[in-house]
């Protein structure tokens, strides 16, 4: 899969001492594999007060670990060199849905359509990318459930992490809201492709065809 993230860094990570809160936040970013994330999503994910989170992110930005951008924050890939302790608040993933995307759907187009979107009860958290695929992550408005959609080729897997809310029905409703949005993107993509095909003009058999 062609990378969709621009995480090129020119600077090296500085040596510095981590506070407990700094370390906890960095452990979470690494555990989730987040390459980019939103402030609002991370605030809900951590439960930190906005001012507290702002101060932590400002320190991490000053040290070259994260970078503030127009649509949120990006994470220096060298975060893995910090040898952080595993996140103490890490929750296991619960599979919710497994399906396949249409073979003619451009996955990068789908990712761009989903990335950064707020809808229903879900708020955008961030995105991670590995050689196996791309994972888009959302968090419920109350910060209780995290919903992730992993796209690997044409395979789509949606799972949940129950952070402070163990309501499976709520997680399933959120996943169906996500699938509804994915379905709309798939349908609009197919409609656009069909319309484009109908307007293709070519010369054949000595006649101009449309």
N, C-alpha and C. Protein backbone atom coordinates (compact mmCIF):
# COMPACT_ATOMS: atom_id res chain seq x y z
N UNK A 1 0.85 -1.20 0.00
CA UNK A 1 0.00 0.00 0.00
C UNK A 1 0.87 1.24 0.00
N UNK A 2 0.53 2.18 -0.88
CA UNK A 2 1.30 3.42 -0.95
C UNK A 2 1.07 4.27 0.29
N UNK A 3 2.13 4.76 0.92
CA UNK A 3 1.96 5.57 2.14
C UNK A 3 1.08 6.77 1.90
N UNK A 4 0.23 7.07 2.88
CA UNK A 4 -0.63 8.24 2.77
C UNK A 4 -0.25 9.30 3.79
N UNK A 5 0.77 9.02 4.58
CA UNK A 5 1.17 9.94 5.63
C UNK A 5 2.50 10.59 5.30
N UNK A 6 2.62 11.86 5.59
CA UNK A 6 3.88 12.58 5.43
C UNK A 6 4.47 12.82 6.81
N UNK A 7 5.39 11.94 7.20
CA UNK A 7 5.97 12.07 8.54
C UNK A 7 7.50 12.20 8.44
N UNK A 8 7.97 12.92 7.42
CA UNK A 8 9.39 13.17 7.25
C UNK A 8 9.85 14.22 8.25
N UNK A 9 10.94 13.90 8.96
CA UNK A 9 11.46 14.83 9.97
C UNK A 9 12.91 15.15 9.66
N UNK A 10 13.26 16.39 9.88
CA UNK A 10 14.63 16.82 9.65
C UNK A 10 15.47 16.81 10.93
N UNK A 11 14.79 16.94 12.07
CA UNK A 11 15.51 17.06 13.33
C UNK A 11 15.57 15.73 14.07
N UNK A 12 16.51 15.61 14.96
CA UNK A 12 16.66 14.44 15.81
C UNK A 12 15.96 14.69 17.13
N UNK A 13 15.59 13.61 17.80
CA UNK A 13 14.99 13.76 19.12
C UNK A 13 16.05 14.24 20.10
N UNK A 14 15.65 15.17 20.93
CA UNK A 14 16.57 15.67 21.95
C UNK A 14 16.54 14.76 23.17
N UNK A 15 17.63 14.75 23.91
CA UNK A 15 17.68 14.02 25.17
C UNK A 15 17.02 14.88 26.24
N UNK A 16 16.08 14.29 26.94
CA UNK A 16 15.42 15.05 27.98
C UNK A 16 14.77 14.07 28.95
N UNK A 17 14.45 14.58 30.13
CA UNK A 17 13.82 13.74 31.15
C UNK A 17 12.31 13.88 31.04
N UNK A 18 11.62 12.76 31.11
CA UNK A 18 10.17 12.74 30.97
C UNK A 18 9.50 12.82 32.33
N UNK A 19 8.48 13.65 32.42
CA UNK A 19 7.64 13.62 33.60
C UNK A 19 6.74 12.39 33.48
N UNK A 20 6.08 12.01 34.56
CA UNK A 20 5.22 10.83 34.52
C UNK A 20 4.09 11.01 33.51
N UNK A 21 3.50 12.21 33.47
CA UNK A 21 2.42 12.45 32.53
C UNK A 21 2.92 12.46 31.09
N UNK A 22 4.11 13.04 30.88
CA UNK A 22 4.70 13.03 29.54
C UNK A 22 4.90 11.59 29.07
N UNK A 23 5.47 10.77 29.95
CA UNK A 23 5.77 9.38 29.61
C UNK A 23 4.49 8.60 29.34
N UNK A 24 3.46 8.83 30.16
CA UNK A 24 2.19 8.13 29.95
C UNK A 24 1.59 8.48 28.59
N UNK A 25 1.63 9.75 28.24
CA UNK A 25 1.07 10.17 26.97
C UNK A 25 1.86 9.59 25.79
N UNK A 26 3.18 9.63 25.89
CA UNK A 26 4.01 9.09 24.83
C UNK A 26 3.82 7.58 24.70
N UNK A 27 3.65 6.89 25.83
CA UNK A 27 3.41 5.45 25.80
C UNK A 27 2.11 5.14 25.07
N UNK A 28 1.11 5.98 25.30
CA UNK A 28 -0.17 5.79 24.62
C UNK A 28 -0.03 6.02 23.12
N UNK A 29 0.67 7.09 22.72
CA UNK A 29 0.87 7.36 21.30
C UNK A 29 1.60 6.21 20.62
N UNK A 30 2.61 5.67 21.31
CA UNK A 30 3.37 4.57 20.72
C UNK A 30 2.53 3.29 20.67
N UNK A 31 1.80 3.01 21.75
CA UNK A 31 0.98 1.81 21.79
C UNK A 31 -0.08 1.82 20.70
N UNK A 32 -0.65 2.99 20.44
CA UNK A 32 -1.66 3.12 19.40
C UNK A 32 -1.03 3.24 18.02
N UNK A 33 0.27 3.45 17.96
CA UNK A 33 0.95 3.59 16.68
C UNK A 33 0.54 4.84 15.94
N UNK A 34 0.10 5.85 16.66
CA UNK A 34 -0.41 7.05 16.01
C UNK A 34 0.69 7.84 15.31
N UNK A 35 0.49 8.09 14.03
CA UNK A 35 1.40 8.94 13.27
C UNK A 35 0.89 10.36 13.24
N UNK A 36 -0.44 10.51 13.25
CA UNK A 36 -1.07 11.83 13.39
C UNK A 36 -2.25 11.68 14.34
N UNK A 37 -2.60 12.77 15.02
CA UNK A 37 -3.75 12.71 15.93
C UNK A 37 -4.32 14.11 16.10
N UNK A 38 -5.54 14.16 16.61
CA UNK A 38 -6.19 15.44 16.87
C UNK A 38 -6.14 15.75 18.36
N UNK A 39 -6.10 17.03 18.68
CA UNK A 39 -6.10 17.44 20.09
C UNK A 39 -7.38 17.00 20.77
N UNK A 40 -8.52 17.25 20.11
CA UNK A 40 -9.79 16.92 20.73
C UNK A 40 -9.94 15.42 20.96
N UNK A 41 -9.50 14.62 19.98
CA UNK A 41 -9.58 13.18 20.14
C UNK A 41 -8.70 12.68 21.26
N UNK A 42 -7.48 13.22 21.34
CA UNK A 42 -6.56 12.79 22.39
C UNK A 42 -7.05 13.24 23.77
N UNK A 43 -7.68 14.40 23.82
CA UNK A 43 -8.25 14.88 25.09
C UNK A 43 -9.30 13.89 25.59
N UNK A 44 -10.16 13.43 24.70
CA UNK A 44 -11.17 12.46 25.09
C UNK A 44 -10.54 11.11 25.43
N UNK A 45 -9.52 10.73 24.67
CA UNK A 45 -8.88 9.42 24.89
C UNK A 45 -8.17 9.36 26.23
N UNK A 46 -7.55 10.46 26.65
CA UNK A 46 -6.77 10.47 27.90
C UNK A 46 -7.57 10.94 29.10
N UNK A 47 -8.61 11.73 28.85
CA UNK A 47 -9.36 12.30 29.96
C UNK A 47 -8.66 13.46 30.63
N UNK A 48 -7.59 13.97 30.02
CA UNK A 48 -6.84 15.09 30.59
C UNK A 48 -7.58 16.41 30.37
N UNK A 49 -7.37 17.33 31.31
CA UNK A 49 -7.92 18.67 31.16
C UNK A 49 -7.23 19.33 29.96
N UNK A 50 -7.97 20.10 29.15
CA UNK A 50 -7.37 20.71 27.96
C UNK A 50 -6.10 21.50 28.25
N UNK A 51 -6.06 22.26 29.34
CA UNK A 51 -4.86 23.05 29.66
C UNK A 51 -3.69 22.14 29.98
N UNK A 52 -3.96 21.05 30.72
CA UNK A 52 -2.89 20.10 31.05
C UNK A 52 -2.35 19.45 29.79
N UNK A 53 -3.25 19.02 28.91
CA UNK A 53 -2.82 18.38 27.66
C UNK A 53 -2.05 19.37 26.80
N UNK A 54 -2.49 20.60 26.75
CA UNK A 54 -1.79 21.63 25.96
C UNK A 54 -0.35 21.81 26.44
N UNK A 55 -0.16 21.83 27.76
CA UNK A 55 1.20 22.01 28.29
C UNK A 55 2.08 20.81 27.95
N UNK A 56 1.51 19.61 28.06
CA UNK A 56 2.30 18.40 27.74
C UNK A 56 2.69 18.41 26.27
N UNK A 57 1.74 18.71 25.39
CA UNK A 57 2.03 18.71 23.96
C UNK A 57 3.03 19.80 23.60
N UNK A 58 2.95 20.93 24.28
CA UNK A 58 3.90 22.01 24.02
C UNK A 58 5.32 21.56 24.38
N UNK A 59 5.47 20.85 25.50
CA UNK A 59 6.80 20.34 25.88
C UNK A 59 7.30 19.33 24.87
N UNK A 60 6.43 18.43 24.43
CA UNK A 60 6.83 17.40 23.48
C UNK A 60 7.17 18.00 22.12
N UNK A 61 6.46 19.06 21.77
CA UNK A 61 6.77 19.75 20.51
C UNK A 61 8.12 20.44 20.60
N UNK A 62 8.39 21.04 21.75
CA UNK A 62 9.67 21.73 21.95
C UNK A 62 10.83 20.75 21.86
N UNK A 63 10.59 19.50 22.29
CA UNK A 63 11.64 18.48 22.26
C UNK A 63 11.73 17.76 20.91
N UNK A 64 10.87 18.12 19.97
CA UNK A 64 10.95 17.51 18.64
C UNK A 64 10.31 16.15 18.54
N UNK A 65 9.46 15.79 19.50
CA UNK A 65 8.81 14.48 19.48
C UNK A 65 7.51 14.52 18.68
N UNK A 66 6.81 15.65 18.77
CA UNK A 66 5.61 15.83 17.95
C UNK A 66 5.72 17.16 17.22
N UNK A 67 4.84 17.37 16.27
CA UNK A 67 4.85 18.62 15.51
C UNK A 67 3.41 19.05 15.27
N UNK A 68 3.11 20.30 15.58
CA UNK A 68 1.76 20.81 15.37
C UNK A 68 1.60 21.18 13.92
N UNK A 69 0.48 20.75 13.34
CA UNK A 69 0.19 21.02 11.95
C UNK A 69 -1.22 21.57 11.81
N UNK A 70 -1.59 21.90 10.60
CA UNK A 70 -2.89 22.55 10.37
C UNK A 70 -4.06 21.68 10.82
N UNK A 71 -3.95 20.37 10.63
CA UNK A 71 -5.06 19.48 10.94
C UNK A 71 -4.84 18.68 12.22
N UNK A 72 -3.87 19.08 13.04
CA UNK A 72 -3.63 18.34 14.28
C UNK A 72 -2.15 18.25 14.59
N UNK A 73 -1.72 17.07 14.99
CA UNK A 73 -0.33 16.84 15.35
C UNK A 73 0.20 15.61 14.63
N UNK A 74 1.47 15.63 14.29
CA UNK A 74 2.14 14.44 13.77
C UNK A 74 3.22 14.01 14.75
N UNK A 75 3.52 12.73 14.75
CA UNK A 75 4.44 12.14 15.71
C UNK A 75 5.74 11.77 15.02
N UNK A 76 6.86 12.15 15.61
CA UNK A 76 8.17 11.78 15.09
C UNK A 76 8.31 10.26 15.16
N UNK A 77 8.58 9.58 14.02
CA UNK A 77 8.74 8.13 14.04
C UNK A 77 9.82 7.65 15.02
N UNK A 78 10.75 8.54 15.37
CA UNK A 78 11.83 8.17 16.27
C UNK A 78 11.35 8.01 17.72
N UNK A 79 10.04 8.15 17.96
CA UNK A 79 9.50 7.95 19.29
C UNK A 79 9.84 6.55 19.80
N UNK A 80 10.00 5.61 18.87
CA UNK A 80 10.31 4.23 19.26
C UNK A 80 11.69 4.13 19.91
N UNK A 81 12.55 5.11 19.70
CA UNK A 81 13.89 5.08 20.28
C UNK A 81 13.91 5.48 21.75
N UNK A 82 12.78 5.97 22.25
CA UNK A 82 12.73 6.44 23.63
C UNK A 82 12.62 5.29 24.63
N UNK A 83 12.32 4.08 24.15
CA UNK A 83 12.21 2.89 25.02
C UNK A 83 11.25 3.14 26.17
N UNK A 84 10.05 3.48 25.81
CA UNK A 84 9.03 3.79 26.80
C UNK A 84 8.45 2.53 27.43
N UNK A 85 7.95 2.68 28.64
CA UNK A 85 7.24 1.59 29.28
C UNK A 85 5.86 1.44 28.63
N UNK A 86 5.34 0.21 28.55
CA UNK A 86 4.01 0.01 27.96
C UNK A 86 2.96 0.85 28.69
N UNK A 87 1.98 1.32 27.95
CA UNK A 87 0.92 2.11 28.54
C UNK A 87 0.17 1.31 29.59
N UNK A 88 0.01 1.90 30.76
CA UNK A 88 -0.66 1.20 31.86
C UNK A 88 -2.17 1.14 31.65
N UNK A 89 -2.68 1.96 30.74
CA UNK A 89 -4.11 2.03 30.53
C UNK A 89 -4.53 1.32 29.24
N UNK A 90 -3.64 0.53 28.68
CA UNK A 90 -3.94 -0.10 27.40
C UNK A 90 -5.06 -1.13 27.57
N UNK A 91 -6.07 -1.05 26.70
CA UNK A 91 -7.21 -1.96 26.74
C UNK A 91 -7.15 -2.89 25.54
N UNK A 92 -7.61 -4.13 25.70
CA UNK A 92 -7.61 -5.07 24.56
C UNK A 92 -8.64 -4.67 23.52
N UNK A 93 -8.42 -5.13 22.29
CA UNK A 93 -9.35 -4.84 21.20
C UNK A 93 -10.40 -5.94 21.09
N UNK A 94 -11.63 -5.54 20.81
CA UNK A 94 -12.73 -6.48 20.61
C UNK A 94 -13.21 -6.37 19.17
N UNK A 95 -13.10 -7.45 18.38
CA UNK A 95 -13.56 -7.40 16.98
C UNK A 95 -15.06 -7.16 16.92
N UNK A 96 -15.48 -6.28 16.00
CA UNK A 96 -16.89 -5.99 15.81
C UNK A 96 -17.38 -6.41 14.43
N UNK A 97 -16.59 -6.10 13.39
CA UNK A 97 -16.99 -6.40 12.01
C UNK A 97 -15.78 -6.80 11.19
N UNK A 98 -16.00 -7.71 10.26
CA UNK A 98 -14.99 -8.08 9.28
C UNK A 98 -15.69 -8.19 7.92
N UNK A 99 -15.19 -7.47 6.94
CA UNK A 99 -15.81 -7.50 5.62
C UNK A 99 -14.77 -7.14 4.57
N UNK A 100 -15.23 -7.03 3.32
CA UNK A 100 -14.34 -6.66 2.22
C UNK A 100 -14.89 -5.42 1.52
N UNK A 101 -13.99 -4.61 1.04
CA UNK A 101 -14.35 -3.43 0.27
C UNK A 101 -14.44 -3.81 -1.21
N UNK A 102 -15.23 -3.07 -2.00
CA UNK A 102 -15.30 -3.35 -3.43
C UNK A 102 -13.90 -3.32 -4.06
N UNK A 103 -13.64 -4.27 -4.93
CA UNK A 103 -12.31 -4.39 -5.51
C UNK A 103 -11.92 -3.19 -6.37
N UNK A 104 -12.94 -2.46 -6.88
CA UNK A 104 -12.63 -1.31 -7.73
C UNK A 104 -12.57 0.00 -6.94
N UNK A 105 -12.67 -0.09 -5.61
CA UNK A 105 -12.60 1.11 -4.79
C UNK A 105 -11.15 1.47 -4.50
N UNK A 106 -10.78 2.71 -4.73
CA UNK A 106 -9.43 3.17 -4.40
C UNK A 106 -9.36 3.38 -2.89
N UNK A 107 -8.56 2.56 -2.20
CA UNK A 107 -8.52 2.64 -0.74
C UNK A 107 -7.97 3.98 -0.26
N UNK A 108 -7.04 4.55 -1.01
CA UNK A 108 -6.52 5.85 -0.61
C UNK A 108 -7.61 6.91 -0.65
N UNK A 109 -8.49 6.82 -1.62
CA UNK A 109 -9.60 7.75 -1.71
C UNK A 109 -10.52 7.59 -0.50
N UNK A 110 -10.78 6.34 -0.12
CA UNK A 110 -11.62 6.08 1.05
C UNK A 110 -10.98 6.64 2.31
N UNK A 111 -9.68 6.41 2.46
CA UNK A 111 -8.97 6.90 3.65
C UNK A 111 -9.05 8.42 3.74
N UNK A 112 -8.85 9.08 2.61
CA UNK A 112 -8.91 10.54 2.60
C UNK A 112 -10.31 11.05 2.92
N UNK A 113 -11.32 10.29 2.51
CA UNK A 113 -12.71 10.69 2.79
C UNK A 113 -13.06 10.49 4.27
N UNK A 114 -12.43 9.51 4.91
CA UNK A 114 -12.75 9.20 6.31
C UNK A 114 -11.87 9.97 7.29
N UNK A 115 -10.67 10.25 6.89
CA UNK A 115 -9.68 10.85 7.79
C UNK A 115 -10.15 12.22 8.32
N UNK A 116 -10.12 12.35 9.63
CA UNK A 116 -10.47 13.62 10.25
C UNK A 116 -11.96 13.85 10.43
N UNK A 117 -12.80 12.89 10.01
CA UNK A 117 -14.24 13.11 10.04
C UNK A 117 -14.83 12.87 11.44
N UNK A 118 -15.76 13.75 11.81
CA UNK A 118 -16.63 13.57 12.97
C UNK A 118 -18.00 13.17 12.44
N UNK A 119 -18.62 12.19 13.04
CA UNK A 119 -19.97 11.80 12.62
C UNK A 119 -20.62 10.99 13.75
N UNK A 120 -21.95 11.10 13.82
CA UNK A 120 -22.68 10.35 14.83
C UNK A 120 -22.11 10.60 16.21
N UNK A 121 -21.81 9.51 16.91
CA UNK A 121 -21.26 9.60 18.25
C UNK A 121 -19.73 9.56 18.27
N UNK A 122 -19.10 9.54 17.10
CA UNK A 122 -17.66 9.37 17.02
C UNK A 122 -16.93 10.68 16.71
N UNK A 123 -15.79 10.86 17.40
CA UNK A 123 -14.91 12.01 17.20
C UNK A 123 -13.54 11.50 16.75
N UNK A 124 -12.94 12.20 15.80
CA UNK A 124 -11.68 11.76 15.21
C UNK A 124 -10.55 11.74 16.23
N UNK A 125 -9.82 10.62 16.26
CA UNK A 125 -8.65 10.49 17.13
C UNK A 125 -7.36 10.60 16.33
N UNK A 126 -7.15 9.68 15.40
CA UNK A 126 -5.91 9.74 14.63
C UNK A 126 -5.77 8.55 13.69
N UNK A 127 -4.60 8.45 13.09
CA UNK A 127 -4.34 7.42 12.08
C UNK A 127 -2.97 6.81 12.30
N UNK A 128 -2.88 5.53 12.03
CA UNK A 128 -1.59 4.83 12.09
C UNK A 128 -1.41 4.05 10.79
N UNK A 129 -0.17 3.78 10.44
CA UNK A 129 0.10 3.08 9.19
C UNK A 129 1.27 2.14 9.37
N UNK A 130 1.12 0.91 8.90
CA UNK A 130 2.18 -0.09 8.91
C UNK A 130 2.26 -0.70 7.51
N UNK A 131 3.18 -1.63 7.33
CA UNK A 131 3.29 -2.30 6.04
C UNK A 131 2.07 -3.16 5.75
N UNK A 132 1.30 -3.48 6.81
CA UNK A 132 0.11 -4.31 6.64
C UNK A 132 -1.14 -3.51 6.27
N UNK A 133 -1.13 -2.21 6.51
CA UNK A 133 -2.30 -1.42 6.19
C UNK A 133 -2.40 -0.15 7.00
N UNK A 134 -3.54 0.50 6.88
CA UNK A 134 -3.80 1.77 7.56
C UNK A 134 -4.94 1.57 8.55
N UNK A 135 -4.81 2.16 9.73
CA UNK A 135 -5.86 2.09 10.74
C UNK A 135 -6.31 3.50 11.10
N UNK A 136 -7.60 3.74 10.95
CA UNK A 136 -8.20 5.02 11.32
C UNK A 136 -8.93 4.84 12.64
N UNK A 137 -8.79 5.83 13.54
CA UNK A 137 -9.30 5.66 14.89
C UNK A 137 -10.19 6.83 15.31
N UNK A 138 -11.27 6.46 15.98
CA UNK A 138 -12.21 7.44 16.53
C UNK A 138 -12.45 7.13 18.00
N UNK A 139 -13.01 8.09 18.70
CA UNK A 139 -13.34 7.93 20.11
C UNK A 139 -14.75 8.46 20.32
N UNK A 140 -15.53 7.80 21.18
CA UNK A 140 -16.87 8.29 21.45
C UNK A 140 -16.78 9.62 22.18
N UNK A 141 -17.84 10.39 22.12
CA UNK A 141 -17.83 11.74 22.66
C UNK A 141 -17.50 11.75 24.15
N UNK A 142 -17.92 10.69 24.87
CA UNK A 142 -17.63 10.64 26.31
C UNK A 142 -16.26 10.03 26.61
N UNK A 143 -15.51 9.64 25.55
CA UNK A 143 -14.19 9.06 25.75
C UNK A 143 -14.21 7.63 26.25
N UNK A 144 -15.38 6.99 26.26
CA UNK A 144 -15.49 5.66 26.84
C UNK A 144 -15.13 4.51 25.92
N UNK A 145 -15.30 4.70 24.61
CA UNK A 145 -15.06 3.61 23.65
C UNK A 145 -14.26 4.13 22.47
N UNK A 146 -13.25 3.39 22.08
CA UNK A 146 -12.46 3.71 20.89
C UNK A 146 -12.84 2.75 19.78
N UNK A 147 -13.10 3.28 18.61
CA UNK A 147 -13.44 2.48 17.43
C UNK A 147 -12.34 2.62 16.40
N UNK A 148 -11.85 1.50 15.88
CA UNK A 148 -10.77 1.52 14.89
C UNK A 148 -11.20 0.77 13.64
N UNK A 149 -10.81 1.31 12.49
CA UNK A 149 -11.07 0.66 11.21
C UNK A 149 -9.74 0.41 10.52
N UNK A 150 -9.40 -0.86 10.37
CA UNK A 150 -8.15 -1.24 9.71
C UNK A 150 -8.43 -1.62 8.27
N UNK A 151 -7.72 -0.99 7.35
CA UNK A 151 -7.87 -1.27 5.92
C UNK A 151 -6.57 -1.87 5.42
N UNK A 152 -6.64 -3.13 5.00
CA UNK A 152 -5.46 -3.82 4.48
C UNK A 152 -5.86 -4.43 3.14
N UNK A 153 -5.45 -3.79 2.06
CA UNK A 153 -5.91 -4.22 0.75
C UNK A 153 -7.40 -3.97 0.63
N UNK A 154 -8.16 -5.03 0.35
CA UNK A 154 -9.61 -4.90 0.28
C UNK A 154 -10.30 -5.35 1.56
N UNK A 155 -9.51 -5.78 2.55
CA UNK A 155 -10.08 -6.25 3.82
C UNK A 155 -10.31 -5.08 4.77
N UNK A 156 -11.47 -5.08 5.40
CA UNK A 156 -11.82 -4.05 6.38
C UNK A 156 -12.19 -4.72 7.70
N UNK A 157 -11.50 -4.34 8.77
CA UNK A 157 -11.78 -4.86 10.09
C UNK A 157 -12.07 -3.70 11.03
N UNK A 158 -13.18 -3.77 11.73
CA UNK A 158 -13.56 -2.75 12.70
C UNK A 158 -13.57 -3.37 14.09
N UNK A 159 -12.88 -2.73 15.02
CA UNK A 159 -12.87 -3.25 16.39
C UNK A 159 -13.06 -2.11 17.38
N UNK A 160 -13.21 -2.50 18.63
CA UNK A 160 -13.46 -1.53 19.69
C UNK A 160 -12.54 -1.77 20.87
N UNK A 161 -12.21 -0.70 21.57
CA UNK A 161 -11.54 -0.78 22.86
C UNK A 161 -12.47 -0.14 23.89
N UNK A 162 -12.81 -0.91 24.89
CA UNK A 162 -13.70 -0.40 25.93
C UNK A 162 -12.84 0.21 27.03
N UNK A 163 -12.81 1.53 27.07
CA UNK A 163 -11.92 2.25 27.97
C UNK A 163 -12.57 2.49 29.33
N UNK A 164 -13.69 3.19 29.34
CA UNK A 164 -14.43 3.42 30.59
C UNK A 164 -15.89 3.02 30.44
N UNK A 165 -16.26 2.55 29.26
CA UNK A 165 -17.65 2.18 28.98
C UNK A 165 -17.65 0.80 28.34
N UNK A 166 -18.31 -0.16 28.97
CA UNK A 166 -18.33 -1.54 28.47
C UNK A 166 -19.61 -1.86 27.70
N UNK A 167 -20.26 -0.85 27.16
CA UNK A 167 -21.53 -1.04 26.46
C UNK A 167 -21.29 -1.54 25.05
N UNK A 168 -21.44 -2.85 24.84
CA UNK A 168 -21.21 -3.44 23.52
C UNK A 168 -22.22 -2.91 22.50
N UNK A 169 -23.47 -2.73 22.92
CA UNK A 169 -24.48 -2.21 22.00
C UNK A 169 -24.10 -0.84 21.47
N UNK A 170 -23.54 0.01 22.35
CA UNK A 170 -23.12 1.34 21.92
C UNK A 170 -21.98 1.24 20.92
N UNK A 171 -21.04 0.33 21.17
CA UNK A 171 -19.92 0.14 20.25
C UNK A 171 -20.41 -0.35 18.89
N UNK A 172 -21.38 -1.26 18.91
CA UNK A 172 -21.92 -1.77 17.64
C UNK A 172 -22.66 -0.67 16.88
N UNK A 173 -23.40 0.16 17.59
CA UNK A 173 -24.09 1.28 16.92
C UNK A 173 -23.08 2.23 16.29
N UNK A 174 -21.99 2.49 17.01
CA UNK A 174 -20.94 3.35 16.47
C UNK A 174 -20.31 2.73 15.23
N UNK A 175 -20.09 1.42 15.26
CA UNK A 175 -19.48 0.75 14.11
C UNK A 175 -20.42 0.78 12.90
N UNK A 176 -21.73 0.69 13.14
CA UNK A 176 -22.67 0.77 12.03
C UNK A 176 -22.73 2.19 11.46
N UNK A 177 -22.57 3.18 12.31
CA UNK A 177 -22.48 4.55 11.81
C UNK A 177 -21.27 4.71 10.91
N UNK A 178 -20.16 4.09 11.31
CA UNK A 178 -18.95 4.12 10.49
C UNK A 178 -19.17 3.40 9.18
N UNK A 179 -19.80 2.22 9.24
CA UNK A 179 -20.06 1.46 8.01
C UNK A 179 -21.00 2.22 7.09
N UNK A 180 -21.95 2.97 7.66
CA UNK A 180 -22.86 3.77 6.84
C UNK A 180 -22.09 4.82 6.06
N UNK A 181 -21.12 5.46 6.73
CA UNK A 181 -20.30 6.47 6.05
C UNK A 181 -19.44 5.82 4.97
N UNK A 182 -18.86 4.66 5.28
CA UNK A 182 -18.05 3.95 4.30
C UNK A 182 -18.90 3.56 3.09
N UNK A 183 -20.13 3.11 3.36
CA UNK A 183 -21.03 2.75 2.27
C UNK A 183 -21.33 3.92 1.37
N UNK A 184 -21.53 5.10 1.95
CA UNK A 184 -21.80 6.29 1.15
C UNK A 184 -20.62 6.63 0.26
N UNK A 185 -19.39 6.49 0.82
CA UNK A 185 -18.19 6.77 0.03
C UNK A 185 -18.09 5.78 -1.13
N UNK A 186 -18.37 4.50 -0.85
CA UNK A 186 -18.29 3.47 -1.89
C UNK A 186 -19.30 3.74 -3.00
N UNK A 187 -20.54 4.12 -2.62
CA UNK A 187 -21.58 4.37 -3.60
C UNK A 187 -21.25 5.60 -4.44
N UNK A 188 -20.80 6.68 -3.79
CA UNK A 188 -20.45 7.90 -4.53
C UNK A 188 -19.29 7.66 -5.46
N UNK A 189 -18.34 6.82 -5.04
CA UNK A 189 -17.20 6.49 -5.89
C UNK A 189 -17.65 5.71 -7.12
N UNK A 190 -18.57 4.75 -6.90
CA UNK A 190 -19.07 3.96 -8.02
C UNK A 190 -19.88 4.82 -8.97
N UNK A 191 -20.69 5.73 -8.42
CA UNK A 191 -21.50 6.62 -9.25
C UNK A 191 -20.62 7.51 -10.11
N UNK A 192 -19.55 8.05 -9.47
CA UNK A 192 -18.63 8.92 -10.21
C UNK A 192 -17.93 8.16 -11.32
N UNK A 193 -17.53 6.90 -11.04
CA UNK A 193 -16.84 6.09 -12.04
C UNK A 193 -17.76 5.77 -13.20
N UNK A 194 -19.03 5.45 -12.89
CA UNK A 194 -20.00 5.14 -13.94
C UNK A 194 -20.27 6.35 -14.81
N UNK A 195 -20.42 7.53 -14.17
CA UNK A 195 -20.67 8.75 -14.92
C UNK A 195 -19.50 9.08 -15.83
N UNK A 196 -18.29 8.87 -15.32
CA UNK A 196 -17.10 9.15 -16.12
C UNK A 196 -17.03 8.21 -17.31
N UNK A 197 -17.39 6.93 -17.07
CA UNK A 197 -17.32 5.95 -18.15
C UNK A 197 -18.31 6.29 -19.26
N UNK A 198 -19.47 6.83 -18.88
CA UNK A 198 -20.48 7.16 -19.88
C UNK A 198 -20.07 8.33 -20.76
N UNK A 199 -19.15 9.15 -20.27
CA UNK A 199 -18.75 10.32 -21.02
C UNK A 199 -17.41 10.14 -21.73
N UNK A 200 -16.90 8.92 -21.69
CA UNK A 200 -15.65 8.65 -22.41
C UNK A 200 -15.94 8.60 -23.91
N UNK A 201 -15.21 9.35 -24.66
CA UNK A 201 -15.40 9.36 -26.12
C UNK A 201 -14.18 8.75 -26.79
N UNK A 202 -14.42 8.02 -27.85
CA UNK A 202 -13.31 7.40 -28.57
C UNK A 202 -13.72 7.18 -30.02
N UNK A 203 -12.72 6.98 -30.88
CA UNK A 203 -12.94 6.68 -32.29
C UNK A 203 -12.87 5.17 -32.48
N UNK A 204 -13.85 4.61 -33.14
CA UNK A 204 -13.81 3.17 -33.40
C UNK A 204 -14.63 2.85 -34.64
N UNK A 205 -14.14 1.96 -35.43
CA UNK A 205 -14.87 1.51 -36.63
C UNK A 205 -15.20 2.63 -37.59
N UNK A 206 -14.38 3.68 -37.59
CA UNK A 206 -14.61 4.77 -38.52
C UNK A 206 -15.67 5.73 -38.07
N UNK A 207 -16.26 5.52 -36.85
CA UNK A 207 -17.30 6.39 -36.36
C UNK A 207 -16.89 6.99 -35.01
N UNK A 208 -17.36 8.17 -34.72
CA UNK A 208 -17.09 8.84 -33.43
C UNK A 208 -18.20 8.43 -32.45
N UNK A 209 -17.80 7.72 -31.42
CA UNK A 209 -18.76 7.16 -30.49
C UNK A 209 -18.69 7.86 -29.14
N UNK A 210 -19.87 8.00 -28.46
CA UNK A 210 -19.92 8.54 -27.10
C UNK A 210 -20.78 7.63 -26.24
